[in-house]
Amino acid sequence: MALDSSFLRYACVGVANTLLHASAFFALVYLAQAGQALANTVAFLFAATFSYLANSIYTFDAPRSRRGYLLFVGFMGGLAWGTGYLAQGAQWAPLITLVVFSLLSLCLGYGFSRFVIFRARGNAC
């Protein structure tokens, strides 16, 4: 699958994933009064399963594995927590946190998914 095609598919899955993530994030921040680091991490974990499954099927047409899922969640969860931690320390508005994380996860998440998680079986970790 061409880079452009898989990136566009990844971006489409990302839109749905971002809506799930944003809903959970704002509910935790505004309704549950959670800190941004915790809210961003929990919201990410909620949306990560959808993203991993959708990308394995729709974007990369690749087999799923427990190891791949854990690598994906570990990498992206660390990114979510780090973004939330930075945002909390810098006192960013929650919307800024969400936008920054969404952009980072689109670019870094695509590269990590394509070249580590879902790379060709012959080159797998």
PDB file of N, CA and C in Angstrom:
ATOM      1  N   MET A   1       0.853  -1.187   0.000  1.00  0.00           N
ATOM      2  CA  MET A   1       0.000   0.000   0.000  1.00  0.00           C
ATOM      3  C   MET A   1       0.887   1.234   0.000  1.00  0.00           C
ATOM      4  N   ALA A   2       0.587   2.191  -0.821  1.00  0.00           N
ATOM      5  CA  ALA A   2       1.387   3.399  -0.952  1.00  0.00           C
ATOM      6  C   ALA A   2       1.341   4.234   0.326  1.00  0.00           C
ATOM      7  N   LEU A   3       2.407   4.966   0.554  1.00  0.00           N
ATOM      8  CA  LEU A   3       2.497   5.813   1.730  1.00  0.00           C
ATOM      9  C   LEU A   3       1.337   6.795   1.791  1.00  0.00           C
ATOM     10  N   ASP A   4       1.023   7.462   0.682  1.00  0.00           N
ATOM     11  CA  ASP A   4      -0.052   8.452   0.670  1.00  0.00           C
ATOM     12  C   ASP A   4      -1.394   7.821   1.019  1.00  0.00           C
ATOM     13  N   SER A   5      -1.673   6.669   0.442  1.00  0.00           N
ATOM     14  CA  SER A   5      -2.941   5.984   0.691  1.00  0.00           C
ATOM     15  C   SER A   5      -3.055   5.548   2.146  1.00  0.00           C
ATOM     16  N   SER A   6      -2.003   4.961   2.687  1.00  0.00           N
ATOM     17  CA  SER A   6      -2.079   4.502   4.075  1.00  0.00           C
ATOM     18  C   SER A   6      -2.136   5.686   5.039  1.00  0.00           C
ATOM     19  N   PHE A   7      -1.450   6.779   4.709  1.00  0.00           N
ATOM     20  CA  PHE A   7      -1.516   7.950   5.584  1.00  0.00           C
ATOM     21  C   PHE A   7      -2.916   8.543   5.591  1.00  0.00           C
ATOM     22  N   LEU A   8      -3.561   8.601   4.433  1.00  0.00           N
ATOM     23  CA  LEU A   8      -4.929   9.127   4.372  1.00  0.00           C
ATOM     24  C   LEU A   8      -5.886   8.237   5.160  1.00  0.00           C
ATOM     25  N   ARG A   9      -5.722   6.938   5.046  1.00  0.00           N
ATOM     26  CA  ARG A   9      -6.557   6.026   5.826  1.00  0.00           C
ATOM     27  C   ARG A   9      -6.296   6.210   7.319  1.00  0.00           C
ATOM     28  N   TYR A  10      -5.021   6.341   7.682  1.00  0.00           N
ATOM     29  CA  TYR A  10      -4.658   6.557   9.086  1.00  0.00           C
ATOM     30  C   TYR A  10      -5.290   7.850   9.598  1.00  0.00           C
ATOM     31  N   ALA A  11      -5.277   8.884   8.770  1.00  0.00           N
ATOM     32  CA  ALA A  11      -5.874  10.162   9.158  1.00  0.00           C
ATOM     33  C   ALA A  11      -7.388  10.037   9.353  1.00  0.00           C
ATOM     34  N   CYS A  12      -8.054   9.263   8.496  1.00  0.00           N
ATOM     35  CA  CYS A  12      -9.509   9.055   8.645  1.00  0.00           C
ATOM     36  C   CYS A  12      -9.833   8.328   9.948  1.00  0.00           C
ATOM     37  N   VAL A  13      -9.071   7.294  10.238  1.00  0.00           N
ATOM     38  CA  VAL A  13      -9.251   6.592  11.514  1.00  0.00           C
ATOM     39  C   VAL A  13      -8.953   7.559  12.655  1.00  0.00           C
ATOM     40  N   GLY A  14      -7.965   8.418  12.435  1.00  0.00           N
ATOM     41  CA  GLY A  14      -7.599   9.393  13.453  1.00  0.00           C
ATOM     42  C   GLY A  14      -8.702  10.376  13.776  1.00  0.00           C
ATOM     43  N   VAL A  15      -9.493  10.753  12.790  1.00  0.00           N
ATOM     44  CA  VAL A  15     -10.616  11.670  13.046  1.00  0.00           C
ATOM     45  C   VAL A  15     -11.606  11.009  14.012  1.00  0.00           C
ATOM     46  N   ALA A  16     -11.980   9.772  13.726  1.00  0.00           N
ATOM     47  CA  ALA A  16     -12.911   9.057  14.619  1.00  0.00           C
ATOM     48  C   ALA A  16     -12.280   8.855  15.996  1.00  0.00           C
ATOM     49  N   ASN A  17     -11.013   8.497  16.009  1.00  0.00           N
ATOM     50  CA  ASN A  17     -10.310   8.292  17.268  1.00  0.00           C
ATOM     51  C   ASN A  17     -10.252   9.585  18.080  1.00  0.00           C
ATOM     52  N   THR A  18     -10.025  10.701  17.400  1.00  0.00           N
ATOM     53  CA  THR A  18      -9.949  11.992  18.084  1.00  0.00           C
ATOM     54  C   THR A  18     -11.289  12.376  18.702  1.00  0.00           C
ATOM     55  N   LEU A  19     -12.371  12.082  18.010  1.00  0.00           N
ATOM     56  CA  LEU A  19     -13.701  12.361  18.579  1.00  0.00           C
ATOM     57  C   LEU A  19     -13.941  11.537  19.847  1.00  0.00           C
ATOM     58  N   LEU A  20     -13.548  10.267  19.813  1.00  0.00           N
ATOM     59  CA  LEU A  20     -13.665   9.437  21.014  1.00  0.00           C
ATOM     60  C   LEU A  20     -12.772   9.969  22.129  1.00  0.00           C
ATOM     61  N   HIS A  21     -11.539  10.279  21.769  1.00  0.00           N
ATOM     62  CA  HIS A  21     -10.574  10.785  22.747  1.00  0.00           C
ATOM     63  C   HIS A  21     -11.068  12.101  23.365  1.00  0.00           C
ATOM     64  N   ALA A  22     -11.510  13.032  22.517  1.00  0.00           N
ATOM     65  CA  ALA A  22     -11.960  14.340  22.999  1.00  0.00           C
ATOM     66  C   ALA A  22     -13.156  14.218  23.931  1.00  0.00           C
ATOM     67  N   SER A  23     -14.083  13.371  23.587  1.00  0.00           N
ATOM     68  CA  SER A  23     -15.272  13.184  24.436  1.00  0.00           C
ATOM     69  C   SER A  23     -14.875  12.717  25.824  1.00  0.00           C
ATOM     70  N   ALA A  24     -14.013  11.721  25.874  1.00  0.00           N
ATOM     71  CA  ALA A  24     -13.571  11.195  27.172  1.00  0.00           C
ATOM     72  C   ALA A  24     -12.734  12.235  27.919  1.00  0.00           C
ATOM     73  N   PHE A  25     -11.828  12.910  27.215  1.00  0.00           N
ATOM     74  CA  PHE A  25     -10.956  13.904  27.841  1.00  0.00           C
ATOM     75  C   PHE A  25     -11.752  15.028  28.487  1.00  0.00           C
ATOM     76  N   PHE A  26     -12.668  15.632  27.721  1.00  0.00           N
ATOM     77  CA  PHE A  26     -13.440  16.743  28.265  1.00  0.00           C
ATOM     78  C   PHE A  26     -14.379  16.300  29.381  1.00  0.00           C
ATOM     79  N   ALA A  27     -14.940  15.109  29.279  1.00  0.00           N
ATOM     80  CA  ALA A  27     -15.789  14.601  30.359  1.00  0.00           C
ATOM     81  C   ALA A  27     -14.980  14.444  31.642  1.00  0.00           C
ATOM     82  N   LEU A  28     -13.778  13.921  31.520  1.00  0.00           N
ATOM     83  CA  LEU A  28     -12.941  13.739  32.715  1.00  0.00           C
ATOM     84  C   LEU A  28     -12.477  15.071  33.299  1.00  0.00           C
ATOM     85  N   VAL A  29     -12.077  16.013  32.447  1.00  0.00           N
ATOM     86  CA  VAL A  29     -11.592  17.308  32.937  1.00  0.00           C
ATOM     87  C   VAL A  29     -12.723  18.134  33.535  1.00  0.00           C
ATOM     88  N   TYR A  30     -13.847  18.231  32.798  1.00  0.00           N
ATOM     89  CA  TYR A  30     -14.899  19.150  33.232  1.00  0.00           C
ATOM     90  C   TYR A  30     -15.956  18.520  34.133  1.00  0.00           C
ATOM     91  N   LEU A  31     -16.242  17.259  33.947  1.00  0.00           N
ATOM     92  CA  LEU A  31     -17.265  16.618  34.780  1.00  0.00           C
ATOM     93  C   LEU A  31     -16.668  15.919  36.001  1.00  0.00           C
ATOM     94  N   ALA A  32     -15.535  15.262  35.806  1.00  0.00           N
ATOM     95  CA  ALA A  32     -14.920  14.524  36.911  1.00  0.00           C
ATOM     96  C   ALA A  32     -13.833  15.329  37.614  1.00  0.00           C
ATOM     97  N   GLN A  33     -13.515  16.516  37.080  1.00  0.00           N
ATOM     98  CA  GLN A  33     -12.499  17.394  37.664  1.00  0.00           C
ATOM     99  C   GLN A  33     -11.127  16.728  37.772  1.00  0.00           C
ATOM    100  N   ALA A  34     -10.797  15.872  36.806  1.00  0.00           N
ATOM    101  CA  ALA A  34      -9.500  15.199  36.788  1.00  0.00           C
ATOM    102  C   ALA A  34      -8.440  16.147  36.241  1.00  0.00           C
ATOM    103  N   GLY A  35      -7.187  15.926  36.629  1.00  0.00           N
ATOM    104  CA  GLY A  35      -6.077  16.685  36.080  1.00  0.00           C
ATOM    105  C   GLY A  35      -5.870  16.310  34.618  1.00  0.00           C
ATOM    106  N   GLN A  36      -5.204  17.190  33.873  1.00  0.00           N
ATOM    107  CA  GLN A  36      -5.043  16.955  32.445  1.00  0.00           C
ATOM    108  C   GLN A  36      -4.172  15.744  32.126  1.00  0.00           C
ATOM    109  N   ALA A  37      -3.142  15.484  32.913  1.00  0.00           N
ATOM    110  CA  ALA A  37      -2.282  14.321  32.647  1.00  0.00           C
ATOM    111  C   ALA A  37      -3.094  13.038  32.761  1.00  0.00           C
ATOM    112  N   LEU A  38      -3.847  12.899  33.837  1.00  0.00           N
ATOM    113  CA  LEU A  38      -4.670  11.711  34.031  1.00  0.00           C
ATOM    114  C   LEU A  38      -5.773  11.630  32.980  1.00  0.00           C
ATOM    115  N   ALA A  39      -6.449  12.739  32.741  1.00  0.00           N
ATOM    116  CA  ALA A  39      -7.554  12.750  31.776  1.00  0.00           C
ATOM    117  C   ALA A  39      -7.068  12.392  30.378  1.00  0.00           C
ATOM    118  N   ASN A  40      -5.941  12.945  29.966  1.00  0.00           N
ATOM    119  CA  ASN A  40      -5.426  12.666  28.629  1.00  0.00           C
ATOM    120  C   ASN A  40      -5.001  11.206  28.496  1.00  0.00           C
ATOM    121  N   THR A  41      -4.413  10.657  29.537  1.00  0.00           N
ATOM    122  CA  THR A  41      -3.974   9.262  29.492  1.00  0.00           C
ATOM    123  C   THR A  41      -5.169   8.312  29.449  1.00  0.00           C
ATOM    124  N   VAL A  42      -6.148   8.533  30.307  1.00  0.00           N
ATOM    125  CA  VAL A  42      -7.330   7.669  30.330  1.00  0.00           C
ATOM    126  C   VAL A  42      -8.114   7.783  29.019  1.00  0.00           C
ATOM    127  N   ALA A  43      -8.269   9.003  28.526  1.00  0.00           N
ATOM    128  CA  ALA A  43      -8.979   9.205  27.258  1.00  0.00           C
ATOM    129  C   ALA A  43      -8.248   8.493  26.125  1.00  0.00           C
ATOM    130  N   PHE A  44      -6.927   8.584  26.133  1.00  0.00           N
ATOM    131  CA  PHE A  44      -6.155   7.879  25.123  1.00  0.00           C
ATOM    132  C   PHE A  44      -6.382   6.371  25.214  1.00  0.00           C
ATOM    133  N   LEU A  45      -6.312   5.819  26.400  1.00  0.00           N
ATOM    134  CA  LEU A  45      -6.489   4.370  26.557  1.00  0.00           C
ATOM    135  C   LEU A  45      -7.867   3.926  26.075  1.00  0.00           C
ATOM    136  N   PHE A  46      -8.856   4.745  26.295  1.00  0.00           N
ATOM    137  CA  PHE A  46     -10.205   4.452  25.825  1.00  0.00           C
ATOM    138  C   PHE A  46     -10.247   4.371  24.304  1.00  0.00           C
ATOM    139  N   ALA A  47      -9.587   5.335  23.648  1.00  0.00           N
ATOM    140  CA  ALA A  47      -9.621   5.399  22.187  1.00  0.00           C
ATOM    141  C   ALA A  47      -8.580   4.496  21.517  1.00  0.00           C
ATOM    142  N   ALA A  48      -7.566   4.074  22.256  1.00  0.00           N
ATOM    143  CA  ALA A  48      -6.466   3.293  21.670  1.00  0.00           C
ATOM    144  C   ALA A  48      -6.923   1.953  21.102  1.00  0.00           C
ATOM    145  N   THR A  49      -7.820   1.292  21.784  1.00  0.00           N
ATOM    146  CA  THR A  49      -8.280   0.002  21.287  1.00  0.00           C
ATOM    147  C   THR A  49      -8.979   0.162  19.944  1.00  0.00           C
ATOM    148  N   PHE A  50      -9.832   1.149  19.854  1.00  0.00           N
ATOM    149  CA  PHE A  50     -10.479   1.420  18.566  1.00  0.00           C
ATOM    150  C   PHE A  50      -9.433   1.701  17.493  1.00  0.00           C
ATOM    151  N   SER A  51      -8.497   2.571  17.788  1.00  0.00           N
ATOM    152  CA  SER A  51      -7.493   2.973  16.816  1.00  0.00           C
ATOM    153  C   SER A  51      -6.640   1.786  16.364  1.00  0.00           C
ATOM    154  N   TYR A  52      -6.184   0.991  17.308  1.00  0.00           N
ATOM    155  CA  TYR A  52      -5.341  -0.162  16.964  1.00  0.00           C
ATOM    156  C   TYR A  52      -6.105  -1.131  16.058  1.00  0.00           C
ATOM    157  N   LEU A  53      -7.315  -1.461  16.447  1.00  0.00           N
ATOM    158  CA  LEU A  53      -8.103  -2.407  15.649  1.00  0.00           C
ATOM    159  C   LEU A  53      -8.441  -1.841  14.266  1.00  0.00           C
ATOM    160  N   ALA A  54      -8.889  -0.600  14.218  1.00  0.00           N
ATOM    161  CA  ALA A  54      -9.259  -0.001  12.934  1.00  0.00           C
ATOM    162  C   ALA A  54      -8.050   0.124  12.011  1.00  0.00           C
ATOM    163  N   ASN A  55      -6.923   0.526  12.552  1.00  0.00           N
ATOM    164  CA  ASN A  55      -5.737   0.667  11.709  1.00  0.00           C
ATOM    165  C   ASN A  55      -5.194  -0.677  11.248  1.00  0.00           C
ATOM    166  N   SER A  56      -5.284  -1.689  12.078  1.00  0.00           N
ATOM    167  CA  SER A  56      -4.798  -3.002  11.642  1.00  0.00           C
ATOM    168  C   SER A  56      -5.645  -3.545  10.499  1.00  0.00           C
ATOM    169  N   ILE A  57      -6.933  -3.253  10.521  1.00  0.00           N
ATOM    170  CA  ILE A  57      -7.843  -3.762   9.492  1.00  0.00           C
ATOM    171  C   ILE A  57      -7.901  -2.816   8.291  1.00  0.00           C
ATOM    172  N   TYR A  58      -8.222  -1.569   8.527  1.00  0.00           N
ATOM    173  CA  TYR A  58      -8.533  -0.610   7.465  1.00  0.00           C
ATOM    174  C   TYR A  58      -7.285   0.029   6.838  1.00  0.00           C
ATOM    175  N   THR A  59      -6.308   0.402   7.662  1.00  0.00           N
ATOM    176  CA  THR A  59      -5.161   1.148   7.164  1.00  0.00           C
ATOM    177  C   THR A  59      -4.046   0.255   6.640  1.00  0.00           C
ATOM    178  N   PHE A  60      -3.659  -0.742   7.441  1.00  0.00           N
ATOM    179  CA  PHE A  60      -2.479  -1.526   7.107  1.00  0.00           C
ATOM    180  C   PHE A  60      -2.778  -2.961   6.679  1.00  0.00           C
ATOM    181  N   ASP A  61      -4.026  -3.403   6.811  1.00  0.00           N
ATOM    182  CA  ASP A  61      -4.411  -4.770   6.469  1.00  0.00           C
ATOM    183  C   ASP A  61      -3.390  -5.758   7.026  1.00  0.00           C
ATOM    184  N   ALA A  62      -3.171  -5.661   8.319  1.00  0.00           N
ATOM    185  CA  ALA A  62      -2.131  -6.445   8.976  1.00  0.00           C
ATOM    186  C   ALA A  62      -2.730  -7.244  10.132  1.00  0.00           C
ATOM    187  N   PRO A  63      -2.103  -8.364  10.469  1.00  0.00           N
ATOM    188  CA  PRO A  63      -2.595  -9.152  11.602  1.00  0.00           C
ATOM    189  C   PRO A  63      -2.396  -8.401  12.915  1.00  0.00           C
ATOM    190  N   ARG A  64      -3.279  -8.661  13.847  1.00  0.00           N
ATOM    191  CA  ARG A  64      -3.197  -8.061  15.166  1.00  0.00           C
ATOM    192  C   ARG A  64      -2.484  -9.031  16.104  1.00  0.00           C
ATOM    193  N   SER A  65      -1.819  -8.469  17.098  1.00  0.00           N
ATOM    194  CA  SER A  65      -1.157  -9.305  18.095  1.00  0.00           C
ATOM    195  C   SER A  65      -1.191  -8.596  19.441  1.00  0.00           C
ATOM    196  N   ARG A  66      -1.105  -9.356  20.477  1.00  0.00           N
ATOM    197  CA  ARG A  66      -1.060  -8.777  21.827  1.00  0.00           C
ATOM    198  C   ARG A  66       0.186  -7.906  21.967  1.00  0.00           C
ATOM    199  N   ARG A  67       1.310  -8.393  21.446  1.00  0.00           N
ATOM    200  CA  ARG A  67       2.566  -7.650  21.542  1.00  0.00           C
ATOM    201  C   ARG A  67       2.462  -6.320  20.788  1.00  0.00           C
ATOM    202  N   GLY A  68       1.904  -6.353  19.583  1.00  0.00           N
ATOM    203  CA  GLY A  68       1.734  -5.131  18.814  1.00  0.00           C
ATOM    204  C   GLY A  68       0.838  -4.128  19.528  1.00  0.00           C
ATOM    205  N   TYR A  69      -0.249  -4.632  20.091  1.00  0.00           N
ATOM    206  CA  TYR A  69      -1.171  -3.762  20.815  1.00  0.00           C
ATOM    207  C   TYR A  69      -0.473  -3.117  22.017  1.00  0.00           C
ATOM    208  N   LEU A  70       0.275  -3.914  22.761  1.00  0.00           N
ATOM    209  CA  LEU A  70       0.961  -3.384  23.937  1.00  0.00           C
ATOM    210  C   LEU A  70       2.042  -2.374  23.553  1.00  0.00           C
ATOM    211  N   LEU A  71       2.756  -2.626  22.461  1.00  0.00           N
ATOM    212  CA  LEU A  71       3.740  -1.647  21.975  1.00  0.00           C
ATOM    213  C   LEU A  71       3.055  -0.341  21.576  1.00  0.00           C
ATOM    214  N   PHE A  72       1.946  -0.466  20.856  1.00  0.00           N
ATOM    215  CA  PHE A  72       1.198   0.703  20.413  1.00  0.00           C
ATOM    216  C   PHE A  72       0.688   1.504  21.616  1.00  0.00           C
ATOM    217  N   VAL A  73       0.052   0.819  22.547  1.00  0.00           N
ATOM    218  CA  VAL A  73      -0.490   1.498  23.727  1.00  0.00           C
ATOM    219  C   VAL A  73       0.633   2.107  24.573  1.00  0.00           C
ATOM    220  N   GLY A  74       1.735   1.380  24.714  1.00  0.00           N
ATOM    221  CA  GLY A  74       2.849   1.904  25.493  1.00  0.00           C
ATOM    222  C   GLY A  74       3.442   3.172  24.898  1.00  0.00           C
ATOM    223  N   PHE A  75       3.713   3.140  23.605  1.00  0.00           N
ATOM    224  CA  PHE A  75       4.297   4.305  22.939  1.00  0.00           C
ATOM    225  C   PHE A  75       3.338   5.487  22.940  1.00  0.00           C
ATOM    226  N   MET A  76       2.129   5.245  22.470  1.00  0.00           N
ATOM    227  CA  MET A  76       1.169   6.328  22.353  1.00  0.00           C
ATOM    228  C   MET A  76       0.659   6.791  23.720  1.00  0.00           C
ATOM    229  N   GLY A  77       0.539   5.870  24.655  1.00  0.00           N
ATOM    230  CA  GLY A  77       0.139   6.245  26.010  1.00  0.00           C
ATOM    231  C   GLY A  77       1.178   7.133  26.668  1.00  0.00           C
ATOM    232  N   GLY A  78       2.450   6.826  26.436  1.00  0.00           N
ATOM    233  CA  GLY A  78       3.515   7.682  26.948  1.00  0.00           C
ATOM    234  C   GLY A  78       3.461   9.075  26.339  1.00  0.00           C
ATOM    235  N   LEU A  79       3.147   9.121  25.055  1.00  0.00           N
ATOM    236  CA  LEU A  79       2.988  10.404  24.375  1.00  0.00           C
ATOM    237  C   LEU A  79       1.800  11.173  24.953  1.00  0.00           C
ATOM    238  N   ALA A  80       0.704  10.476  25.206  1.00  0.00           N
ATOM    239  CA  ALA A  80      -0.486  11.111  25.792  1.00  0.00           C
ATOM    240  C   ALA A  80      -0.181  11.660  27.186  1.00  0.00           C
ATOM    241  N   TRP A  81       0.464  10.831  27.995  1.00  0.00           N
ATOM    242  CA  TRP A  81       0.777  11.267  29.361  1.00  0.00           C
ATOM    243  C   TRP A  81       1.756  12.439  29.327  1.00  0.00           C
ATOM    244  N   GLY A  82       2.790  12.333  28.499  1.00  0.00           N
ATOM    245  CA  GLY A  82       3.784  13.399  28.421  1.00  0.00           C
ATOM    246  C   GLY A  82       3.185  14.719  27.970  1.00  0.00           C
ATOM    247  N   THR A  83       2.298  14.651  26.997  1.00  0.00           N
ATOM    248  CA  THR A  83       1.637  15.868  26.524  1.00  0.00           C
ATOM    249  C   THR A  83       0.774  16.462  27.633  1.00  0.00           C
ATOM    250  N   GLY A  84       0.023  15.614  28.312  1.00  0.00           N
ATOM    251  CA  GLY A  84      -0.815  16.090  29.412  1.00  0.00           C
ATOM    252  C   GLY A  84       0.000  16.656  30.560  1.00  0.00           C
ATOM    253  N   TYR A  85       1.123  16.014  30.854  1.00  0.00           N
ATOM    254  CA  TYR A  85       1.998  16.478  31.934  1.00  0.00           C
ATOM    255  C   TYR A  85       2.574  17.857  31.603  1.00  0.00           C
ATOM    256  N   LEU A  86       3.058  18.001  30.360  1.00  0.00           N
ATOM    257  CA  LEU A  86       3.582  19.287  29.914  1.00  0.00           C
ATOM    258  C   LEU A  86       2.491  20.356  29.959  1.00  0.00           C
ATOM    259  N   ALA A  87       1.307  20.010  29.491  1.00  0.00           N
ATOM    260  CA  ALA A  87       0.187  20.954  29.464  1.00  0.00           C
ATOM    261  C   ALA A  87      -0.215  21.389  30.863  1.00  0.00           C
ATOM    262  N   GLN A  88      -0.246  20.441  31.768  1.00  0.00           N
ATOM    263  CA  GLN A  88      -0.630  20.751  33.145  1.00  0.00           C
ATOM    264  C   GLN A  88       0.393  21.689  33.780  1.00  0.00           C
ATOM    265  N   GLY A  89       1.684  21.400  33.561  1.00  0.00           N
ATOM    266  CA  GLY A  89       2.740  22.248  34.123  1.00  0.00           C
ATOM    267  C   GLY A  89       2.747  23.644  33.520  1.00  0.00           C
ATOM    268  N   ALA A  90       2.451  23.727  32.236  1.00  0.00           N
ATOM    269  CA  ALA A  90       2.438  25.016  31.547  1.00  0.00           C
ATOM    270  C   ALA A  90       1.084  25.712  31.644  1.00  0.00           C
ATOM    271  N   GLN A  91       0.125  25.053  32.258  1.00  0.00           N
ATOM    272  CA  GLN A  91      -1.233  25.560  32.437  1.00  0.00           C
ATOM    273  C   GLN A  91      -1.904  25.910  31.116  1.00  0.00           C
ATOM    274  N   TRP A  92      -1.754  24.989  30.156  1.00  0.00           N
ATOM    275  CA  TRP A  92      -2.439  25.157  28.877  1.00  0.00           C
ATOM    276  C   TRP A  92      -3.931  24.963  29.074  1.00  0.00           C
ATOM    277  N   ALA A  93      -4.709  25.591  28.238  1.00  0.00           N
ATOM    278  CA  ALA A  93      -6.150  25.321  28.207  1.00  0.00           C
ATOM    279  C   ALA A  93      -6.333  23.887  27.695  1.00  0.00           C
ATOM    280  N   PRO A  94      -7.327  23.174  28.197  1.00  0.00           N
ATOM    281  CA  PRO A  94      -7.539  21.791  27.762  1.00  0.00           C
ATOM    282  C   PRO A  94      -7.662  21.621  26.244  1.00  0.00           C
ATOM    283  N   LEU A  95      -8.244  22.589  25.561  1.00  0.00           N
ATOM    284  CA  LEU A  95      -8.365  22.477  24.109  1.00  0.00           C
ATOM    285  C   LEU A  95      -6.989  22.482  23.434  1.00  0.00           C
ATOM    286  N   ILE A  96      -6.069  23.285  23.947  1.00  0.00           N
ATOM    287  CA  ILE A  96      -4.701  23.317  23.408  1.00  0.00           C
ATOM    288  C   ILE A  96      -4.039  21.964  23.612  1.00  0.00           C
ATOM    289  N   THR A  97      -4.224  21.389  24.772  1.00  0.00           N
ATOM    290  CA  THR A  97      -3.666  20.065  25.072  1.00  0.00           C
ATOM    291  C   THR A  97      -4.164  19.044  24.058  1.00  0.00           C
ATOM    292  N   LEU A  98      -5.439  19.055  23.819  1.00  0.00           N
ATOM    293  CA  LEU A  98      -6.033  18.097  22.896  1.00  0.00           C
ATOM    294  C   LEU A  98      -5.514  18.295  21.471  1.00  0.00           C
ATOM    295  N   VAL A  99      -5.410  19.529  21.037  1.00  0.00           N
ATOM    296  CA  VAL A  99      -4.934  19.814  19.677  1.00  0.00           C
ATOM    297  C   VAL A  99      -3.467  19.404  19.523  1.00  0.00           C
ATOM    298  N   VAL A 100      -2.636  19.763  20.483  1.00  0.00           N
ATOM    299  CA  VAL A 100      -1.212  19.405  20.413  1.00  0.00           C
ATOM    300  C   VAL A 100      -1.053  17.890  20.405  1.00  0.00           C
ATOM    301  N   PHE A 101      -1.756  17.217  21.301  1.00  0.00           N
ATOM    302  CA  PHE A 101      -1.656  15.751  21.334  1.00  0.00           C
ATOM    303  C   PHE A 101      -2.161  15.140  20.033  1.00  0.00           C
ATOM    304  N   SER A 102      -3.233  15.649  19.489  1.00  0.00           N
ATOM    305  CA  SER A 102      -3.785  15.108  18.248  1.00  0.00           C
ATOM    306  C   SER A 102      -2.787  15.237  17.097  1.00  0.00           C
ATOM    307  N   LEU A 103      -2.130  16.373  16.988  1.00  0.00           N
ATOM    308  CA  LEU A 103      -1.138  16.565  15.925  1.00  0.00           C
ATOM    309  C   LEU A 103       0.077  15.663  16.126  1.00  0.00           C
ATOM    310  N   LEU A 104       0.551  15.586  17.361  1.00  0.00           N
ATOM    311  CA  LEU A 104       1.688  14.705  17.647  1.00  0.00           C
ATOM    312  C   LEU A 104       1.339  13.242  17.382  1.00  0.00           C
ATOM    313  N   SER A 105       0.154  12.837  17.800  1.00  0.00           N
ATOM    314  CA  SER A 105      -0.216  11.434  17.625  1.00  0.00           C
ATOM    315  C   SER A 105      -0.447  11.096  16.155  1.00  0.00           C
ATOM    316  N   LEU A 106      -0.892  12.060  15.356  1.00  0.00           N
ATOM    317  CA  LEU A 106      -1.059  11.811  13.926  1.00  0.00           C
ATOM    318  C   LEU A 106       0.294  11.529  13.278  1.00  0.00           C
ATOM    319  N   CYS A 107       1.248  12.399  13.508  1.00  0.00           N
ATOM    320  CA  CYS A 107       2.562  12.260  12.855  1.00  0.00           C
ATOM    321  C   CYS A 107       3.402  11.142  13.457  1.00  0.00           C
ATOM    322  N   LEU A 108       3.608  11.190  14.751  1.00  0.00           N
ATOM    323  CA  LEU A 108       4.449  10.180  15.399  1.00  0.00           C
ATOM    324  C   LEU A 108       3.764   8.818  15.421  1.00  0.00           C
ATOM    325  N   GLY A 109       2.453   8.820  15.636  1.00  0.00           N
ATOM    326  CA  GLY A 109       1.706   7.563  15.674  1.00  0.00           C
ATOM    327  C   GLY A 109       1.702   6.851  14.334  1.00  0.00           C
ATOM    328  N   TYR A 110       1.585   7.614  13.243  1.00  0.00           N
ATOM    329  CA  TYR A 110       1.614   7.001  11.919  1.00  0.00           C
ATOM    330  C   TYR A 110       2.969   6.341  11.671  1.00  0.00           C
ATOM    331  N   GLY A 111       4.028   7.065  11.926  1.00  0.00           N
ATOM    332  CA  GLY A 111       5.365   6.512  11.715  1.00  0.00           C
ATOM    333  C   GLY A 111       5.609   5.274  12.560  1.00  0.00           C
ATOM    334  N   PHE A 112       5.236   5.334  13.811  1.00  0.00           N
ATOM    335  CA  PHE A 112       5.437   4.189  14.705  1.00  0.00           C
ATOM    336  C   PHE A 112       4.585   3.002  14.261  1.00  0.00           C
ATOM    337  N   SER A 113       3.355   3.255  13.876  1.00  0.00           N
ATOM    338  CA  SER A 113       2.475   2.176  13.423  1.00  0.00           C
ATOM    339  C   SER A 113       2.979   1.553  12.132  1.00  0.00           C
ATOM    340  N   ARG A 114       3.319   2.376  11.182  1.00  0.00           N
ATOM    341  CA  ARG A 114       3.740   1.878   9.866  1.00  0.00           C
ATOM    342  C   ARG A 114       5.073   1.149   9.917  1.00  0.00           C
ATOM    343  N   PHE A 115       6.038   1.696  10.634  1.00  0.00           N
ATOM    344  CA  PHE A 115       7.387   1.162  10.571  1.00  0.00           C
ATOM    345  C   PHE A 115       7.766   0.242  11.733  1.00  0.00           C
ATOM    346  N   VAL A 116       6.939   0.181  12.764  1.00  0.00           N
ATOM    347  CA  VAL A 116       7.235  -0.706  13.892  1.00  0.00           C
ATOM    348  C   VAL A 116       6.106  -1.718  14.102  1.00  0.00           C
ATOM    349  N   ILE A 117       4.904  -1.244  14.369  1.00  0.00           N
ATOM    350  CA  ILE A 117       3.799  -2.128  14.738  1.00  0.00           C
ATOM    351  C   ILE A 117       3.306  -2.975  13.576  1.00  0.00           C
ATOM    352  N   PHE A 118       3.033  -2.360  12.440  1.00  0.00           N
ATOM    353  CA  PHE A 118       2.415  -3.065  11.314  1.00  0.00           C
ATOM    354  C   PHE A 118       3.353  -3.246  10.120  1.00  0.00           C
ATOM    355  N   ARG A 119       4.648  -3.201  10.334  1.00  0.00           N
ATOM    356  CA  ARG A 119       5.544  -3.388   9.186  1.00  0.00           C
ATOM    357  C   ARG A 119       5.441  -4.812   8.663  1.00  0.00           C
ATOM    358  N   ALA A 120       5.939  -5.035   7.494  1.00  0.00           N
ATOM    359  CA  ALA A 120       5.816  -6.348   6.832  1.00  0.00           C
ATOM    360  C   ALA A 120       6.265  -7.467   7.751  1.00  0.00           C
ATOM    361  N   ARG A 121       5.567  -8.582   7.713  1.00  0.00           N
ATOM    362  CA  ARG A 121       5.853  -9.717   8.577  1.00  0.00           C
ATOM    363  C   ARG A 121       7.300 -10.147   8.545  1.00  0.00           C
ATOM    364  N   GLY A 122       7.924 -10.142   7.401  1.00  0.00           N
ATOM    365  CA  GLY A 122       9.311 -10.564   7.287  1.00  0.00           C
ATOM    366  C   GLY A 122      10.272  -9.673   8.033  1.00  0.00           C
ATOM    367  N   ASN A 123       9.832  -8.431   8.320  1.00  0.00           N
ATOM    368  CA  ASN A 123      10.691  -7.475   9.016  1.00  0.00           C
ATOM    369  C   ASN A 123      10.209  -7.187  10.429  1.00  0.00           C
ATOM    370  N   ALA A 124       9.299  -7.984  10.931  1.00  0.00           N
ATOM    371  CA  ALA A 124       8.704  -7.697  12.240  1.00  0.00           C
ATOM    372  C   ALA A 124       9.714  -7.791  13.371  1.00  0.00           C
ATOM    373  N   CYS A 125       9.413  -7.083  14.441  1.00  0.00           N
ATOM    374  CA  CYS A 125      10.272  -7.092  15.628  1.00  0.00           C
ATOM    375  C   CYS A 125      10.361  -8.481  16.222  1.00  0.00           C
TER     376      CYS A 125
END
